[in-house]
Amino acid sequence: MTRAAASGRAVVVGAALAGLRGAEALRRAGFAGSLTIVGAEPHPPYDRPPLSKHVLTGEVPAGATRLPGLVDLDATWRLGTAAAGLDRERRTLRLADGAELPYDRLLVATGTRARPWPNPHEGRLGGVHSIRDRDDAASLRAAFAARPRRVLIIGGGFIGCEVASACRSLDIPVTLVEPSATPLARVLGTHLGAVVGALHEARGVDLRCNAEVEWLEDDGAGHVSRAHLAGGGSIEADVVVVALGAVRNTDWLAGSGLSADPGGLDCDGTGHALDEAGEPDTDIAAAGDVARFPHPLYDGRRVALEHWGNAVEQAEHAGRLLAGRPSEAPYGALPTFWSTQGGINIKSVGLTDGADGLVIAQGSAKEGRFLALYGRQGRCIAAVSIDCARWLPAYAAMIAERAPFPPIRRGTDQPASLDILPPGLPEKPRR
């Protein structure tokens, strides 16, 4: 490391998991200069996965999710003040309170926010919630503790399914509305989505697929009373959870000259942010949900990953990069994800996007304990286990090695037939 790399002013924008671990990586890599961490929320870094699970059921208080610090950071914390602009020529970060912070190296780890209900007036009605941060989870937990007559969840992704599961654990009537043919169709495809949907229906979730909420009705006192469906019909509910996915926090980069949009901040293979001409700014790196980067396992296709493990690994990679100790290889950690729903443990490795085949490679779907392997153009690209995680490391290795698909046959705990099935994934535009 050069003297210049060890000193100077480093600013981390984003005080969640990626920002914290990135700052720690800077220090571990030998950076000894001034370090400032900026966070839009007033809270110190905390863990998000429990918010849609254990916090909602009351098992864990929202305030008990703080992340442990692994390094003595010797940092200045600017919490409760969002980033508002970036001047790369002056190398200055502007904050929402008007303050300016000079930097020599900058880590962008601003993450995502919940996608709001498209009608702002309806989205502000009492009883309408989203869930992304600690305060959201505390507010929704209080609503559940008040024993609503019915909860309506709009959106059948992982967050929507986890909230539905929490409702049933609390014996709260719940309806989940999803425009696709099954829950999780965009991530797992309709084949596995149907399995997950059946699990939720067996626990009492009123599942409405191929349906969309058109508008939310005000009860006349500023509180939601029912949702009206496209094509007719309505659902009475006194609590509505909008679970329509996430938007990456890149608005503050407008006018900076960096290549950023609601889908993320573009980076090169090393982790440096790219400008609008496609050139890297070597003073800036990105990590976590906001970083869109070319993944070497997927032919360099740009991806932005909302995964806990990616936030940690990419932040460590970015911290070393900014400290002048870059990794020899481009960043390309294998994506991993997990979810718990109704006592069922769902874990995945790899990315299912573009899969053209699926096999039940281990266990039995009928028994509700199995592993599904996804392939694309004759290569293994992803695996999803449902209460069958013991086999996941072996298939993760196959994916990392770009092993041929379908997998080896006649293995232990394999079904008699490894028929290749259509995964039922929607077409997605390629960037």
Protein backbone atom coordinates (compact mmCIF):
# COMPACT_ATOMS: atom_id res chain seq x y z
CA MET A 1 0.00 0.00 0.00
CA THR A 2 1.25 3.45 -0.87
CA ARG A 3 1.36 6.29 1.63
CA ALA A 4 -1.39 8.04 -0.35
CA ALA A 5 -3.59 4.95 -0.14
CA ALA A 6 -3.09 4.67 3.61
CA SER A 7 -4.05 8.28 4.35
CA GLY A 8 -6.53 10.90 3.18
CA ARG A 9 -10.29 11.19 3.66
CA ALA A 10 -12.66 8.28 3.13
CA VAL A 11 -16.43 8.67 3.14
CA VAL A 12 -18.88 5.77 3.22
CA VAL A 13 -22.39 6.67 2.04
CA GLY A 14 -24.80 4.21 3.60
CA ALA A 15 -24.80 3.01 7.20
CA ALA A 16 -26.30 -0.44 6.78
CA LEU A 17 -24.63 -3.84 6.43
CA ALA A 18 -22.57 -3.08 3.30
CA GLY A 19 -21.48 0.33 4.56
CA LEU A 20 -20.38 -1.04 7.93
CA ARG A 21 -18.48 -4.02 6.53
CA GLY A 22 -16.93 -1.87 3.80
CA ALA A 23 -15.67 0.62 6.38
CA GLU A 24 -14.23 -2.23 8.45
CA ALA A 25 -12.50 -3.64 5.35
CA LEU A 26 -10.89 -0.25 4.72
CA ARG A 27 -9.42 -0.24 8.21
CA ARG A 28 -8.31 -3.87 8.07
CA ALA A 29 -6.56 -3.17 4.77
CA GLY A 30 -4.48 -0.48 6.43
CA PHE A 31 -6.33 2.75 5.72
CA ALA A 32 -5.37 5.14 8.53
CA GLY A 33 -6.91 8.41 7.34
CA SER A 34 -10.14 10.08 8.43
CA LEU A 35 -13.28 7.99 7.98
CA THR A 36 -16.85 9.34 7.90
CA ILE A 37 -19.97 7.16 7.63
CA VAL A 38 -23.16 8.81 6.41
CA GLY A 39 -26.58 7.24 6.98
CA ALA A 40 -30.06 8.46 6.06
CA GLU A 41 -31.61 6.67 9.05
CA PRO A 42 -31.01 7.78 12.65
CA HIS A 43 -30.16 4.24 13.74
CA PRO A 44 -26.71 2.62 13.84
CA PRO A 45 -26.30 -0.31 11.40
CA TYR A 46 -28.79 -3.12 12.01
CA ASP A 47 -29.69 -6.47 10.50
CA ARG A 48 -32.60 -6.42 8.02
CA PRO A 49 -33.56 -10.11 7.51
CA PRO A 50 -35.31 -10.39 10.92
CA LEU A 51 -37.54 -7.41 10.12
CA SER A 52 -39.99 -9.36 7.93
CA LYS A 53 -39.81 -12.46 10.11
CA HIS A 54 -39.07 -12.47 13.85
CA VAL A 55 -39.74 -8.77 14.47
CA LEU A 56 -43.27 -9.04 13.04
CA THR A 57 -44.14 -12.01 15.24
CA GLY A 58 -42.77 -10.26 18.34
CA GLU A 59 -39.97 -12.76 18.90
CA VAL A 60 -37.32 -10.04 18.46
CA PRO A 61 -37.83 -6.31 19.20
CA ALA A 62 -37.00 -4.04 16.27
CA GLY A 63 -34.38 -2.31 18.40
CA ALA A 64 -32.55 -5.57 19.11
CA THR A 65 -31.33 -6.06 15.54
CA ARG A 66 -28.17 -3.95 15.75
CA LEU A 67 -25.20 -5.36 13.86
CA PRO A 68 -22.04 -6.07 15.83
CA GLY A 69 -18.94 -4.07 14.98
CA LEU A 70 -15.95 -6.26 14.09
CA VAL A 71 -13.30 -3.53 13.97
CA ASP A 72 -12.54 -0.38 15.96
CA LEU A 73 -13.44 2.03 13.17
CA ASP A 74 -12.37 5.35 14.70
CA ALA A 75 -15.01 6.94 12.47
CA THR A 76 -17.23 10.01 12.48
CA TRP A 77 -20.88 9.00 12.15
CA ARG A 78 -23.37 11.29 10.37
CA LEU A 79 -26.64 9.46 10.99
CA GLY A 80 -30.09 10.77 10.20
CA THR A 81 -28.87 12.82 7.24
CA ALA A 82 -29.14 11.50 3.70
CA ALA A 83 -26.75 12.15 0.85
CA ALA A 84 -28.19 14.76 -1.52
CA GLY A 85 -25.60 15.24 -4.24
CA LEU A 86 -22.11 14.44 -5.49
CA ASP A 87 -19.60 16.80 -7.10
CA ARG A 88 -16.87 14.62 -8.53
CA GLU A 89 -14.78 17.51 -9.82
CA ARG A 90 -14.51 19.00 -6.34
CA ARG A 91 -14.63 15.51 -4.78
CA THR A 92 -17.35 16.65 -2.41
CA LEU A 93 -20.44 14.93 -1.04
CA ARG A 94 -23.43 17.16 -0.29
CA LEU A 95 -25.79 16.18 2.52
CA ALA A 96 -29.50 16.88 2.86
CA ASP A 97 -28.83 19.35 5.69
CA GLY A 98 -26.62 21.46 3.40
CA ALA A 99 -23.30 20.26 4.79
CA GLU A 100 -20.49 19.23 2.43
CA LEU A 101 -17.97 16.46 3.03
CA PRO A 102 -14.72 16.33 1.03
CA TYR A 103 -13.42 12.89 0.09
CA ASP A 104 -10.39 11.25 -1.46
CA ARG A 105 -12.12 7.89 -1.71
CA LEU A 106 -15.83 7.19 -1.59
CA LEU A 107 -17.79 3.99 -0.98
CA VAL A 108 -21.40 4.04 -2.23
CA ALA A 109 -23.53 1.62 -0.20
CA THR A 110 -26.91 3.37 -0.16
CA GLY A 111 -28.95 0.21 -0.69
CA THR A 112 -32.64 0.28 -1.59
CA ARG A 113 -35.98 1.59 -0.40
CA ALA A 114 -39.39 -0.03 -0.65
CA ARG A 115 -41.23 0.64 -3.91
CA PRO A 116 -44.22 2.77 -2.87
CA TRP A 117 -47.88 2.30 -3.75
CA PRO A 118 -48.34 4.17 -7.05
CA ASN A 119 -51.12 6.43 -5.73
CA PRO A 120 -49.49 8.68 -3.09
CA HIS A 121 -52.79 9.62 -1.40
CA GLU A 122 -53.80 5.99 -1.00
CA GLY A 123 -50.29 5.10 0.15
CA ARG A 124 -50.59 7.60 3.02
CA LEU A 125 -53.85 6.15 4.37
CA GLY A 126 -53.75 4.82 7.89
CA GLY A 127 -53.19 1.08 7.92
CA VAL A 128 -51.10 1.07 4.71
CA HIS A 129 -47.56 -0.15 5.34
CA SER A 130 -44.39 -1.10 3.54
CA ILE A 131 -41.48 -2.89 5.13
CA ARG A 132 -37.89 -2.04 4.46
CA ASP A 133 -36.38 -0.41 7.54
CA ARG A 134 -36.48 -0.82 11.30
CA ASP A 135 -39.19 1.78 11.83
CA ASP A 136 -41.38 0.12 9.17
CA ALA A 137 -41.09 -3.20 10.98
CA ALA A 138 -41.88 -1.66 14.39
CA SER A 139 -44.95 0.07 12.96
CA LEU A 140 -46.24 -3.10 11.31
CA ARG A 141 -45.57 -5.13 14.45
CA ALA A 142 -47.73 -2.68 16.42
CA ALA A 143 -50.49 -3.04 13.82
CA PHE A 144 -50.35 -6.83 14.13
CA ALA A 145 -50.41 -6.64 17.92
CA ALA A 146 -53.69 -4.73 17.65
CA ARG A 147 -55.26 -7.85 16.07
CA PRO A 148 -56.55 -6.56 12.73
CA ARG A 149 -59.59 -8.22 11.20
CA ARG A 150 -57.67 -8.97 8.00
CA VAL A 151 -54.28 -8.15 6.53
CA LEU A 152 -53.95 -7.70 2.78
CA ILE A 153 -50.52 -8.16 1.21
CA ILE A 154 -49.98 -6.75 -2.27
CA GLY A 155 -47.15 -8.66 -3.92
CA GLY A 156 -46.06 -12.29 -3.66
CA GLY A 157 -42.28 -11.94 -3.61
CA PHE A 158 -40.12 -13.04 -0.69
CA ILE A 159 -41.13 -10.12 1.55
CA GLY A 160 -44.82 -10.61 0.82
CA CYS A 161 -44.60 -14.34 1.51
CA GLU A 162 -42.64 -13.83 4.73
CA VAL A 163 -45.18 -11.29 6.00
CA ALA A 164 -48.01 -13.69 5.12
CA SER A 165 -46.23 -16.40 7.07
CA ALA A 166 -45.87 -14.10 10.08
CA CYS A 167 -49.60 -13.34 9.96
CA ARG A 168 -50.51 -17.01 10.07
CA SER A 169 -48.06 -17.62 12.92
CA LEU A 170 -50.04 -14.96 14.81
CA ASP A 171 -53.37 -16.46 13.65
CA ILE A 172 -54.27 -13.26 11.79
CA PRO A 173 -56.44 -13.71 8.67
CA VAL A 174 -54.41 -12.73 5.62
CA THR A 175 -54.96 -12.40 1.88
CA LEU A 176 -52.05 -12.23 -0.56
CA VAL A 177 -52.65 -10.78 -4.04
CA GLU A 178 -50.09 -11.52 -6.77
CA PRO A 179 -50.40 -10.65 -10.49
CA SER A 180 -48.38 -13.69 -11.62
CA ALA A 181 -49.66 -17.25 -11.75
CA THR A 182 -47.89 -18.15 -8.48
CA PRO A 183 -46.00 -16.47 -5.65
CA LEU A 184 -42.26 -16.02 -6.28
CA ALA A 185 -42.73 -16.64 -10.00
CA ARG A 186 -40.24 -13.91 -10.93
CA VAL A 187 -37.49 -15.51 -8.84
CA LEU A 188 -38.22 -19.25 -8.71
CA GLY A 189 -40.53 -19.69 -11.70
CA THR A 190 -44.07 -20.98 -11.61
CA HIS A 191 -43.07 -24.62 -11.05
CA LEU A 192 -41.51 -23.99 -7.64
CA GLY A 193 -43.80 -21.01 -7.06
CA ALA A 194 -46.77 -23.35 -7.14
CA VAL A 195 -45.15 -25.51 -4.45
CA VAL A 196 -44.58 -22.47 -2.22
CA GLY A 197 -48.14 -21.27 -2.89
CA ALA A 198 -49.55 -24.62 -1.82
CA LEU A 199 -47.55 -24.46 1.42
CA HIS A 200 -49.05 -21.06 2.24
CA GLU A 201 -52.58 -22.14 1.36
CA ALA A 202 -52.19 -25.17 3.63
CA ARG A 203 -51.46 -22.73 6.48
CA GLY A 204 -54.60 -20.73 5.77
CA VAL A 205 -53.35 -17.92 3.52
CA ASP A 206 -56.05 -16.69 1.14
CA LEU A 207 -53.94 -16.68 -2.02
CA ARG A 208 -55.20 -14.67 -5.02
CA CYS A 209 -52.91 -15.16 -8.01
CA ASN A 210 -53.44 -13.69 -11.48
CA ALA A 211 -55.05 -10.76 -9.69
CA GLU A 212 -54.13 -7.10 -9.19
CA VAL A 213 -55.20 -4.42 -6.75
CA GLU A 214 -56.38 -1.37 -8.66
CA TRP A 215 -57.11 1.05 -5.82
CA LEU A 216 -57.41 1.34 -2.04
CA GLU A 217 -60.55 2.75 -0.45
CA ASP A 218 -60.58 5.35 2.31
CA ASP A 219 -63.08 4.67 5.11
CA GLY A 220 -63.85 8.40 5.28
CA ALA A 221 -61.61 8.94 8.29
CA GLY A 222 -58.27 8.56 6.57
CA HIS A 223 -57.87 4.81 7.12
CA VAL A 224 -57.87 2.05 4.53
CA SER A 225 -60.99 -0.10 4.52
CA ARG A 226 -60.80 -2.28 1.41
CA ALA A 227 -58.92 -2.92 -1.80
CA HIS A 228 -60.60 -2.99 -5.18
CA LEU A 229 -59.34 -5.51 -7.73
CA ALA A 230 -58.83 -4.94 -11.43
CA GLY A 231 -61.74 -6.48 -13.30
CA GLY A 232 -64.08 -6.24 -10.30
CA GLY A 233 -64.35 -7.50 -6.75
CA SER A 234 -62.89 -6.18 -3.52
CA ILE A 235 -61.18 -7.38 -0.34
CA GLU A 236 -61.95 -5.85 3.05
CA ALA A 237 -58.81 -5.22 5.09
CA ASP A 238 -57.82 -2.85 7.88
CA VAL A 239 -54.07 -3.41 7.34
CA VAL A 240 -52.47 -3.39 3.89
CA VAL A 241 -48.83 -4.28 3.27
CA VAL A 242 -47.40 -3.02 -0.01
CA ALA A 243 -44.68 -5.50 -1.04
CA LEU A 244 -43.89 -4.45 -4.60
CA GLY A 245 -40.12 -4.83 -4.49
CA ALA A 246 -37.38 -2.26 -4.06
CA VAL A 247 -35.93 0.81 -5.75
CA ARG A 248 -32.20 1.42 -5.49
CA ASN A 249 -31.16 4.63 -3.79
CA THR A 250 -29.39 6.42 -6.63
CA ASP A 251 -31.45 9.65 -6.85
CA TRP A 252 -28.73 11.61 -5.06
CA LEU A 253 -26.28 10.77 -7.87
CA ALA A 254 -28.26 12.76 -10.47
CA GLY A 255 -25.95 15.26 -12.16
CA SER A 256 -22.79 13.55 -10.88
CA GLY A 257 -21.89 12.12 -14.28
CA LEU A 258 -21.95 8.57 -12.93
CA SER A 259 -23.90 5.85 -14.76
CA ALA A 260 -26.80 5.32 -12.37
CA ASP A 261 -30.55 4.84 -12.56
CA PRO A 262 -33.26 3.23 -10.38
CA GLY A 263 -31.70 -0.15 -11.22
CA GLY A 264 -28.37 0.67 -9.60
CA LEU A 265 -24.96 2.30 -9.96
CA ASP A 266 -22.88 0.70 -12.70
CA CYS A 267 -19.46 -0.64 -11.75
CA ASP A 268 -16.65 -2.32 -13.63
CA GLY A 269 -15.38 -5.79 -12.78
CA THR A 270 -13.01 -4.45 -10.12
CA GLY A 271 -15.78 -2.58 -8.29
CA HIS A 272 -15.05 1.01 -9.37
CA ALA A 273 -18.05 3.16 -10.30
CA LEU A 274 -18.45 3.92 -13.99
CA ASP A 275 -19.19 7.33 -15.45
CA GLU A 276 -21.71 7.95 -18.21
CA ALA A 277 -19.00 7.29 -20.83
CA GLY A 278 -18.30 3.88 -19.30
CA GLU A 279 -14.97 4.92 -17.75
CA PRO A 280 -14.14 3.98 -14.13
CA ASP A 281 -13.79 6.62 -11.44
CA THR A 282 -11.00 5.09 -9.38
CA ASP A 283 -11.86 7.23 -6.35
CA ILE A 284 -15.31 5.64 -6.03
CA ALA A 285 -16.45 2.07 -5.43
CA ALA A 286 -19.88 0.59 -4.71
CA ALA A 287 -21.16 -2.38 -2.74
CA GLY A 288 -24.38 -4.06 -1.71
CA ASP A 289 -27.86 -3.71 -3.20
CA VAL A 290 -27.04 -0.49 -5.08
CA ALA A 291 -24.06 -1.88 -7.03
CA ARG A 292 -24.75 -3.19 -10.54
CA PHE A 293 -21.75 -5.12 -11.80
CA PRO A 294 -20.76 -7.65 -14.49
CA HIS A 295 -20.87 -11.10 -12.90
CA PRO A 296 -18.21 -13.42 -14.35
CA LEU A 297 -20.30 -16.56 -13.69
CA TYR A 298 -23.10 -15.21 -15.87
CA ASP A 299 -21.10 -14.16 -18.94
CA GLY A 300 -20.54 -10.66 -17.63
CA ARG A 301 -24.24 -9.82 -17.43
CA ARG A 302 -24.78 -6.85 -15.12
CA VAL A 303 -26.62 -7.74 -11.93
CA ALA A 304 -27.55 -5.94 -8.71
CA LEU A 305 -28.05 -8.37 -5.85
CA GLU A 306 -30.27 -7.86 -2.81
CA HIS A 307 -28.59 -10.62 -0.82
CA TRP A 308 -27.17 -10.44 2.71
CA GLY A 309 -24.08 -12.47 1.83
CA ASN A 310 -23.35 -10.37 -1.24
CA ALA A 311 -23.51 -7.17 0.80
CA VAL A 312 -20.80 -8.54 3.11
CA GLU A 313 -18.50 -10.00 0.47
CA GLN A 314 -18.80 -7.15 -2.00
CA ALA A 315 -18.26 -4.57 0.74
CA GLU A 316 -15.07 -6.31 1.82
CA HIS A 317 -13.92 -6.39 -1.80
CA ALA A 318 -14.70 -2.67 -2.23
CA GLY A 319 -13.02 -1.69 1.04
CA ARG A 320 -9.77 -3.39 0.03
CA LEU A 321 -10.00 -1.79 -3.41
CA LEU A 322 -10.32 1.73 -1.99
CA ALA A 323 -7.52 1.06 0.47
CA GLY A 324 -5.16 0.27 -2.40
CA ARG A 325 -5.19 -3.49 -1.92
CA PRO A 326 -7.46 -4.75 -4.69
CA SER A 327 -8.24 -8.42 -5.18
CA GLU A 328 -6.44 -10.11 -8.05
CA ALA A 329 -9.67 -11.37 -9.64
CA PRO A 330 -12.85 -9.45 -10.51
CA TYR A 331 -15.59 -9.65 -7.92
CA GLY A 332 -17.82 -12.62 -8.63
CA ALA A 333 -18.96 -14.28 -5.41
CA LEU A 334 -21.67 -16.88 -5.94
CA PRO A 335 -25.03 -15.30 -4.97
CA THR A 336 -26.74 -16.93 -1.99
CA PHE A 337 -30.11 -16.26 -0.38
CA TRP A 338 -32.38 -17.73 2.29
CA SER A 339 -35.92 -17.30 3.55
CA THR A 340 -38.08 -18.93 6.21
CA GLN A 341 -41.81 -19.22 5.64
CA GLY A 342 -44.14 -21.17 7.88
CA GLY A 343 -41.40 -23.34 9.29
CA ILE A 344 -40.06 -24.08 5.79
CA ASN A 345 -36.45 -23.14 5.08
CA ILE A 346 -35.78 -21.98 1.51
CA LYS A 347 -32.16 -21.50 0.45
CA SER A 348 -30.71 -20.72 -2.95
CA VAL A 349 -27.36 -20.35 -4.69
CA GLY A 350 -26.80 -18.76 -8.07
CA LEU A 351 -29.22 -16.79 -10.22
CA THR A 352 -32.24 -18.34 -11.91
CA ASP A 353 -32.63 -15.59 -14.54
CA GLY A 354 -32.80 -17.03 -18.03
CA ALA A 355 -33.05 -20.65 -16.92
CA ASP A 356 -34.44 -22.90 -19.66
CA GLY A 357 -34.68 -26.10 -17.60
CA LEU A 358 -35.23 -27.39 -14.09
CA VAL A 359 -34.83 -30.77 -12.45
CA ILE A 360 -35.76 -32.01 -8.99
CA ALA A 361 -32.26 -33.27 -8.26
CA GLN A 362 -32.59 -34.38 -4.61
CA GLY A 363 -35.40 -35.40 -2.32
CA SER A 364 -39.08 -35.36 -3.18
CA ALA A 365 -41.38 -32.45 -4.02
CA LYS A 366 -44.36 -34.54 -2.85
CA GLU A 367 -42.76 -34.85 0.58
CA GLY A 368 -41.95 -31.11 0.66
CA ARG A 369 -38.21 -31.76 1.02
CA PHE A 370 -36.24 -31.33 -2.17
CA LEU A 371 -33.58 -29.49 -4.14
CA ALA A 372 -34.25 -28.07 -7.60
CA LEU A 373 -31.42 -27.36 -10.02
CA TYR A 374 -31.77 -24.79 -12.80
CA GLY A 375 -29.91 -24.94 -16.09
CA ARG A 376 -29.34 -22.61 -19.00
CA GLN A 377 -27.94 -23.62 -22.37
CA GLY A 378 -26.57 -26.86 -20.93
CA ARG A 379 -24.92 -25.36 -17.81
CA CYS A 380 -25.92 -25.37 -14.14
CA ILE A 381 -26.77 -21.81 -13.06
CA ALA A 382 -28.76 -22.02 -9.80
CA ALA A 383 -30.11 -24.34 -7.14
CA VAL A 384 -32.97 -23.89 -4.67
CA SER A 385 -33.49 -26.13 -1.66
CA ILE A 386 -36.67 -26.46 0.36
CA ASP A 387 -35.85 -28.12 3.68
CA CYS A 388 -33.03 -29.94 1.85
CA ALA A 389 -30.00 -27.69 2.42
CA ARG A 390 -27.55 -30.51 3.13
CA TRP A 391 -27.05 -30.97 -0.61
CA LEU A 392 -26.70 -27.29 -1.45
CA PRO A 393 -22.88 -27.00 -1.11
CA ALA A 394 -22.35 -29.76 -3.69
CA TYR A 395 -24.57 -28.01 -6.21
CA ALA A 396 -23.01 -24.64 -5.41
CA ALA A 397 -19.70 -26.12 -6.50
CA MET A 398 -21.29 -27.32 -9.75
CA ILE A 399 -22.63 -23.83 -10.44
CA ALA A 400 -19.27 -22.19 -9.69
CA GLU A 401 -17.60 -24.63 -12.08
CA ARG A 402 -20.27 -24.05 -14.77
CA ALA A 403 -20.87 -27.80 -14.74
CA PRO A 404 -23.04 -29.43 -17.42
CA PHE A 405 -26.79 -29.54 -16.89
CA PRO A 406 -28.58 -31.81 -16.05
CA PRO A 407 -26.46 -33.09 -13.14
CA ILE A 408 -24.97 -36.50 -12.54
CA ARG A 409 -27.58 -39.24 -12.19
CA ARG A 410 -28.09 -42.17 -9.81
CA GLY A 411 -26.81 -40.25 -6.80
CA THR A 412 -27.87 -40.65 -3.18
CA ASP A 413 -31.34 -39.34 -2.29
CA GLN A 414 -32.17 -38.64 -5.91
CA PRO A 415 -35.60 -39.28 -7.42
CA ALA A 416 -35.88 -42.17 -9.86
CA SER A 417 -36.42 -39.76 -12.74
CA LEU A 418 -34.55 -36.53 -13.44
CA ASP A 419 -36.96 -35.18 -15.99
CA ILE A 420 -36.12 -31.70 -17.26
CA LEU A 421 -39.08 -29.40 -16.56
CA PRO A 422 -39.85 -25.86 -17.76
CA PRO A 423 -39.11 -23.56 -14.79
CA GLY A 424 -41.81 -21.07 -15.75
CA LEU A 425 -39.68 -17.96 -15.35
CA PRO A 426 -40.93 -14.74 -16.96
CA GLU A 427 -38.93 -13.16 -19.75
CA LYS A 428 -36.74 -10.33 -18.50
CA PRO A 429 -35.14 -7.60 -20.57
CA ARG A 430 -31.39 -7.94 -20.81
CA ARG A 431 -29.22 -4.96 -19.95
